[in-house]
Amino acid sequence: MPLPDLPSTSDSRPPLSRRIFAALLATLLFATLMLLNLLQMCSILLWPFSRRYFRAVNRWAAKSFWGAVVAAARRCYGVEVRLSGDPPPAAENAIVVLNHQGMADIPVLLDVASRTERLGDLKWFAKDVIKWVPGVGWGLLFLDCIFLKRNWAADQDSIRATFQRLITARIPCWIVTFVEGTRTRPEKLEASRRYAAEHDLPLLDHLLLPRTKGFTATVSGMRNHVQAIYDCTIGYVDGVPSLGQWIQGRMPVVNFDFRRIEIGDLPRDPEALSAWLMERWKIKDRRLDIYYRTGAFPVADPL
């Protein structure tokens, strides 16, 4: 079963002073984000003259805000992200696939990206509605991110256009995708397992079945621009924190398993690529099972 939510009990709540500090810090971060949104809007003036400088301004804005989030998590919230597996390479374009358990997954990934100076290069797959949200949504609009309506007929043209911009302009990138499509919850896992049983697909214990269509399109479209797939697995301790619990410092340790796979090792046929991802998710599910039982990710992939 997926890890339950981190308990929220009266005796585990942080002191009032810490909760006030967390609220003030969150307010400061949001105000900073809104100021950076204004800068991003002004950067449109650069677009007719230099798209390179336009993107440089927006890369700096993303790096600055996400860097502040990482610094707050480390220094103020006391969060330690422990990395296992392959060390994240520097200056490499990649497709990053992760399991999705909660909003706290995002600052965890930001911490890892900051270690290789890739914060400004993150390109997210996000729900289309997010682009209308002040702050984060508006900011992502300026970063060549991919907004999805969850309808392949409606999404495929915009996905291809975004990939073409990244390739033509030779834009450095980590393309981030939560291929399960939504956060893992017990009722969603039950529905996923029913679907798997009906269609002769793997029965996973901790993960939802991955949505392979978007993944195969991403690999096919970006194969000549990225060098690797990063298979990343987030392992929380005692439960999945809410964003509020994260800000209050309720999650001091998070484990992050990082696996690098050469893009050339992946099959080119879409059906074979889909099968590859499904097999990778079976391995990820077993790795999570070992992690939940032992507290550590295995060094080698379990059979």
Protein backbone atom coordinates (compact mmCIF):
# COMPACT_ATOMS: atom_id res chain seq x y z
CA MET A 1 0.00 0.00 0.00
CA PRO A 2 1.13 3.62 -0.50
CA LEU A 3 2.65 5.37 2.48
CA PRO A 4 -0.10 7.07 4.55
CA ASP A 5 -0.21 10.78 5.23
CA LEU A 6 2.06 12.03 7.97
CA PRO A 7 -0.03 12.05 11.18
CA SER A 8 -1.19 15.39 12.47
CA THR A 9 -1.73 15.21 16.20
CA SER A 10 -1.76 17.88 18.90
CA ASP A 11 1.36 16.53 20.60
CA SER A 12 3.33 16.52 17.34
CA ARG A 13 2.53 20.10 16.38
CA PRO A 14 5.52 22.47 16.48
CA PRO A 15 5.58 25.32 18.99
CA LEU A 16 3.48 28.39 18.21
CA SER A 17 6.60 30.49 17.64
CA ARG A 18 7.80 28.08 14.96
CA ARG A 19 4.41 28.04 13.26
CA ILE A 20 4.36 31.83 13.19
CA PHE A 21 7.90 31.88 11.77
CA ALA A 22 6.90 29.35 9.10
CA ALA A 23 3.87 31.46 8.12
CA LEU A 24 5.97 34.61 7.88
CA LEU A 25 8.61 32.85 5.81
CA ALA A 26 5.97 31.40 3.46
CA THR A 27 4.49 34.90 3.05
CA LEU A 28 7.93 36.30 2.24
CA LEU A 29 8.54 33.59 -0.35
CA PHE A 30 5.18 34.25 -1.99
CA ALA A 31 5.83 38.00 -2.10
CA THR A 32 9.21 37.31 -3.69
CA LEU A 33 7.53 35.07 -6.25
CA MET A 34 5.05 37.79 -7.20
CA LEU A 35 7.90 40.29 -7.68
CA LEU A 36 9.69 37.80 -9.89
CA ASN A 37 6.44 37.32 -11.85
CA LEU A 38 6.49 41.07 -12.52
CA LEU A 39 10.09 40.84 -13.72
CA GLN A 40 9.13 37.93 -15.99
CA MET A 41 6.30 39.96 -17.49
CA CYS A 42 8.70 42.82 -18.17
CA SER A 43 11.07 40.39 -19.87
CA ILE A 44 8.57 40.13 -22.74
CA LEU A 45 10.08 43.41 -23.96
CA LEU A 46 13.28 41.50 -24.71
CA TRP A 47 11.56 38.83 -26.86
CA PRO A 48 11.58 40.78 -30.19
CA PHE A 49 15.26 41.66 -29.81
CA SER A 50 16.90 38.67 -28.11
CA ARG A 51 15.20 35.45 -27.17
CA ARG A 52 18.45 34.32 -25.58
CA TYR A 53 18.38 37.23 -23.10
CA PHE A 54 14.64 36.73 -22.56
CA ARG A 55 15.29 33.13 -21.53
CA ALA A 56 18.33 34.14 -19.46
CA VAL A 57 16.20 36.52 -17.37
CA ASN A 58 13.54 33.86 -16.79
CA ARG A 59 16.14 31.20 -16.01
CA TRP A 60 17.60 33.55 -13.37
CA ALA A 61 14.13 34.19 -11.94
CA ALA A 62 13.39 30.46 -11.64
CA LYS A 63 16.81 29.70 -10.17
CA SER A 64 16.46 32.53 -7.65
CA PHE A 65 13.04 31.56 -6.36
CA TRP A 66 13.58 27.80 -6.31
CA GLY A 67 16.98 28.39 -4.72
CA ALA A 68 15.24 30.37 -1.95
CA VAL A 69 12.83 27.46 -1.44
CA VAL A 70 15.77 25.04 -1.12
CA ALA A 71 17.61 27.34 1.29
CA ALA A 72 14.49 27.73 3.44
CA ALA A 73 13.98 23.95 3.58
CA ARG A 74 17.59 23.32 4.57
CA ARG A 75 18.29 26.18 6.95
CA CYS A 76 14.91 27.16 8.33
CA TYR A 77 12.79 24.01 8.14
CA GLY A 78 15.72 21.68 8.90
CA VAL A 79 15.02 19.30 6.01
CA GLU A 80 17.80 16.92 4.93
CA VAL A 81 17.43 15.18 1.56
CA ARG A 82 19.63 12.06 1.57
CA LEU A 83 20.69 10.97 -1.89
CA SER A 84 21.40 7.35 -2.82
CA GLY A 85 22.23 5.61 -6.09
CA ASP A 86 24.00 7.41 -8.93
CA PRO A 87 25.38 10.90 -8.32
CA PRO A 88 23.45 13.49 -10.39
CA PRO A 89 25.69 14.55 -13.31
CA ALA A 90 26.34 18.21 -14.05
CA ALA A 91 25.50 19.93 -17.34
CA GLU A 92 23.47 17.07 -18.80
CA ASN A 93 20.04 17.27 -20.42
CA ALA A 94 17.68 14.61 -19.11
CA ILE A 95 14.11 13.41 -18.71
CA VAL A 96 13.29 13.05 -15.00
CA VAL A 97 10.57 10.56 -14.01
CA LEU A 98 9.37 10.36 -10.40
CA ASN A 99 6.78 8.73 -8.21
CA HIS A 100 4.19 11.23 -6.98
CA GLN A 101 2.94 11.22 -3.38
CA GLY A 102 2.28 14.85 -2.48
CA MET A 103 3.13 18.50 -3.04
CA ALA A 104 6.27 18.06 -0.93
CA ASP A 105 7.71 16.02 -3.83
CA ILE A 106 8.46 19.29 -5.61
CA PRO A 107 10.79 20.89 -3.00
CA VAL A 108 12.52 17.51 -2.63
CA LEU A 109 13.38 17.50 -6.34
CA LEU A 110 14.41 21.16 -6.15
CA ASP A 111 16.96 20.22 -3.48
CA VAL A 112 18.51 17.58 -5.75
CA ALA A 113 18.50 19.87 -8.80
CA SER A 114 20.28 22.58 -6.83
CA ARG A 115 23.25 20.27 -6.23
CA THR A 116 24.10 20.32 -9.93
CA GLU A 117 23.09 23.93 -10.66
CA ARG A 118 20.04 22.83 -12.68
CA LEU A 119 17.32 24.75 -10.84
CA GLY A 120 16.86 27.21 -13.68
CA ASP A 121 16.65 24.41 -16.26
CA LEU A 122 13.62 22.54 -14.86
CA LYS A 123 10.81 22.10 -17.39
CA TRP A 124 7.66 20.68 -15.82
CA PHE A 125 4.72 18.75 -17.19
CA ALA A 126 1.80 20.46 -15.44
CA LYS A 127 -1.99 20.52 -15.58
CA ASP A 128 -3.25 23.22 -17.95
CA VAL A 129 -5.26 24.94 -15.21
CA ILE A 130 -2.08 25.67 -13.24
CA LYS A 131 -0.95 28.31 -15.72
CA TRP A 132 -3.76 30.59 -14.47
CA VAL A 133 -2.56 30.42 -10.85
CA PRO A 134 -0.72 33.59 -9.71
CA GLY A 135 2.87 32.99 -8.72
CA VAL A 136 3.85 29.46 -9.66
CA GLY A 137 1.55 29.11 -12.67
CA TRP A 138 2.38 32.48 -14.15
CA GLY A 139 6.07 31.81 -13.62
CA LEU A 140 5.98 28.46 -15.42
CA LEU A 141 4.44 30.11 -18.49
CA PHE A 142 7.76 31.87 -19.15
CA LEU A 143 9.90 28.73 -18.79
CA ASP A 144 8.93 26.57 -21.79
CA CYS A 145 7.01 24.19 -19.54
CA ILE A 146 4.42 21.76 -20.94
CA PHE A 147 0.80 22.32 -19.91
CA LEU A 148 -1.55 19.37 -20.39
CA LYS A 149 -5.32 19.15 -20.75
CA ARG A 150 -5.12 15.37 -20.25
CA ASN A 151 -6.49 14.85 -23.75
CA TRP A 152 -3.90 13.46 -26.13
CA ALA A 153 -5.61 14.87 -29.23
CA ALA A 154 -5.51 18.35 -27.66
CA ASP A 155 -2.07 18.03 -26.08
CA GLN A 156 0.15 16.44 -28.72
CA ASP A 157 0.60 19.51 -30.93
CA SER A 158 1.56 21.79 -28.03
CA ILE A 159 3.95 19.14 -26.67
CA ARG A 160 5.69 18.80 -30.01
CA ALA A 161 5.90 22.59 -30.41
CA THR A 162 7.51 22.97 -26.98
CA PHE A 163 10.01 20.21 -27.69
CA GLN A 164 10.88 21.84 -31.00
CA ARG A 165 11.62 25.15 -29.26
CA LEU A 166 13.89 23.41 -26.76
CA ILE A 167 15.78 21.62 -29.52
CA THR A 168 16.04 24.52 -31.97
CA ALA A 169 17.29 26.97 -29.32
CA ARG A 170 19.48 24.28 -27.68
CA ILE A 171 17.96 25.05 -24.30
CA PRO A 172 19.46 23.17 -21.32
CA CYS A 173 16.76 21.18 -19.56
CA TRP A 174 15.61 18.66 -17.03
CA ILE A 175 12.16 17.66 -18.29
CA VAL A 176 10.23 16.63 -15.17
CA THR A 177 7.26 14.29 -15.40
CA PHE A 178 5.23 12.48 -12.76
CA VAL A 179 4.20 9.70 -15.12
CA GLU A 180 1.52 8.32 -12.78
CA GLY A 181 -0.44 11.45 -13.67
CA THR A 182 -1.70 12.08 -10.14
CA ARG A 183 -0.74 11.63 -6.51
CA THR A 184 -0.90 8.09 -5.14
CA ARG A 185 -3.81 7.51 -2.77
CA PRO A 186 -5.30 4.21 -1.49
CA GLU A 187 -8.49 4.55 -3.54
CA LYS A 188 -6.50 5.43 -6.67
CA LEU A 189 -4.16 2.50 -6.11
CA GLU A 190 -7.14 0.17 -5.78
CA ALA A 191 -8.57 1.47 -9.07
CA SER A 192 -5.16 1.14 -10.72
CA ARG A 193 -4.83 -2.46 -9.57
CA ARG A 194 -8.31 -3.31 -10.87
CA TYR A 195 -7.37 -1.87 -14.26
CA ALA A 196 -4.08 -3.78 -14.22
CA ALA A 197 -5.85 -7.07 -13.47
CA GLU A 198 -8.33 -6.49 -16.30
CA HIS A 199 -5.62 -5.68 -18.85
CA ASP A 200 -2.90 -8.15 -17.82
CA LEU A 201 -0.60 -5.41 -16.49
CA PRO A 202 1.65 -5.48 -13.40
CA LEU A 203 -0.10 -5.41 -10.01
CA LEU A 204 1.81 -2.75 -8.11
CA ASP A 205 1.70 -2.44 -4.33
CA HIS A 206 2.93 1.14 -3.82
CA LEU A 207 2.64 2.90 -7.19
CA LEU A 208 0.00 3.70 -9.77
CA LEU A 209 0.44 2.36 -13.28
CA PRO A 210 2.43 4.86 -15.34
CA ARG A 211 0.79 6.68 -18.23
CA THR A 212 3.03 5.63 -21.06
CA LYS A 213 1.75 7.71 -23.98
CA GLY A 214 3.23 11.00 -22.80
CA PHE A 215 6.48 9.32 -21.79
CA THR A 216 6.98 7.67 -25.18
CA ALA A 217 6.22 10.97 -26.93
CA THR A 218 8.76 12.76 -24.72
CA VAL A 219 11.53 10.24 -25.33
CA SER A 220 10.83 10.11 -29.06
CA GLY A 221 10.67 13.89 -29.39
CA MET A 222 13.71 14.68 -27.22
CA ARG A 223 15.96 11.69 -27.93
CA ASN A 224 18.51 13.79 -29.80
CA HIS A 225 18.52 16.56 -27.17
CA VAL A 226 18.76 14.64 -23.88
CA GLN A 227 21.49 12.27 -22.79
CA ALA A 228 19.73 10.25 -20.11
CA ILE A 229 16.62 9.22 -18.21
CA TYR A 230 16.75 9.89 -14.48
CA ASP A 231 14.57 7.37 -12.66
CA CYS A 232 14.02 9.03 -9.28
CA THR A 233 12.17 7.60 -6.29
CA ILE A 234 11.17 9.68 -3.27
CA GLY A 235 11.01 7.85 0.05
CA TYR A 236 9.45 9.63 3.01
CA VAL A 237 9.77 8.59 6.65
CA ASP A 238 6.70 7.88 8.83
CA GLY A 239 4.25 9.33 6.28
CA VAL A 240 3.76 11.70 3.36
CA PRO A 241 3.87 15.32 4.57
CA SER A 242 1.47 18.01 3.44
CA LEU A 243 3.01 21.25 2.24
CA GLY A 244 2.00 22.81 5.54
CA GLN A 245 3.78 20.10 7.52
CA TRP A 246 6.83 20.55 5.30
CA ILE A 247 6.91 24.29 6.01
CA GLN A 248 6.60 23.59 9.75
CA GLY A 249 9.67 21.35 9.63
CA ARG A 250 7.73 18.14 10.37
CA MET A 251 9.77 16.12 7.85
CA PRO A 252 13.45 16.38 8.87
CA VAL A 253 14.70 13.58 6.56
CA VAL A 254 13.70 12.50 3.06
CA ASN A 255 15.43 9.76 1.06
CA PHE A 256 15.88 10.23 -2.67
CA ASP A 257 16.99 7.36 -4.89
CA PHE A 258 18.61 8.47 -8.17
CA ARG A 259 19.14 6.10 -11.12
CA ARG A 260 20.66 7.24 -14.41
CA ILE A 261 19.90 5.37 -17.66
CA GLU A 262 21.55 6.27 -20.96
CA ILE A 263 19.01 7.43 -23.51
CA GLY A 264 20.69 5.18 -26.08
CA ASP A 265 19.80 2.13 -23.97
CA LEU A 266 16.08 2.73 -24.44
CA PRO A 267 14.18 1.09 -27.31
CA ARG A 268 12.98 3.25 -30.20
CA ASP A 269 9.74 1.45 -30.98
CA PRO A 270 6.85 3.14 -29.06
CA GLU A 271 5.34 -0.16 -27.89
CA ALA A 272 8.71 -1.43 -26.70
CA LEU A 273 9.33 1.92 -24.99
CA SER A 274 5.98 1.68 -23.24
CA ALA A 275 6.85 -1.84 -22.07
CA TRP A 276 10.24 -0.55 -20.85
CA LEU A 277 8.58 2.07 -18.65
CA MET A 278 6.12 -0.49 -17.27
CA GLU A 279 9.02 -2.80 -16.38
CA ARG A 280 10.90 0.10 -14.80
CA TRP A 281 7.84 0.86 -12.66
CA LYS A 282 7.73 -2.75 -11.47
CA ILE A 283 11.35 -2.38 -10.36
CA LYS A 284 10.59 0.95 -8.68
CA ASP A 285 7.69 -0.68 -6.81
CA ARG A 286 10.00 -3.43 -5.51
CA ARG A 287 12.63 -0.86 -4.54
CA LEU A 288 10.01 1.07 -2.56
CA ASP A 289 8.88 -2.14 -0.87
CA ILE A 290 12.43 -2.82 0.32
CA TYR A 291 12.79 0.81 1.41
CA TYR A 292 9.61 0.70 3.51
CA ARG A 293 10.74 -2.54 5.17
CA THR A 294 14.39 -1.66 5.78
CA GLY A 295 14.62 2.13 5.73
CA ALA A 296 17.10 2.12 2.80
CA PHE A 297 16.92 1.72 -0.96
CA PRO A 298 18.76 -1.37 -2.28
CA VAL A 299 22.06 -0.83 -4.10
CA ALA A 300 21.09 -3.17 -6.96
CA ASP A 301 17.71 -3.56 -8.61
CA PRO A 302 15.77 -6.47 -7.09
CA LEU A 303 14.88 -9.37 -9.39
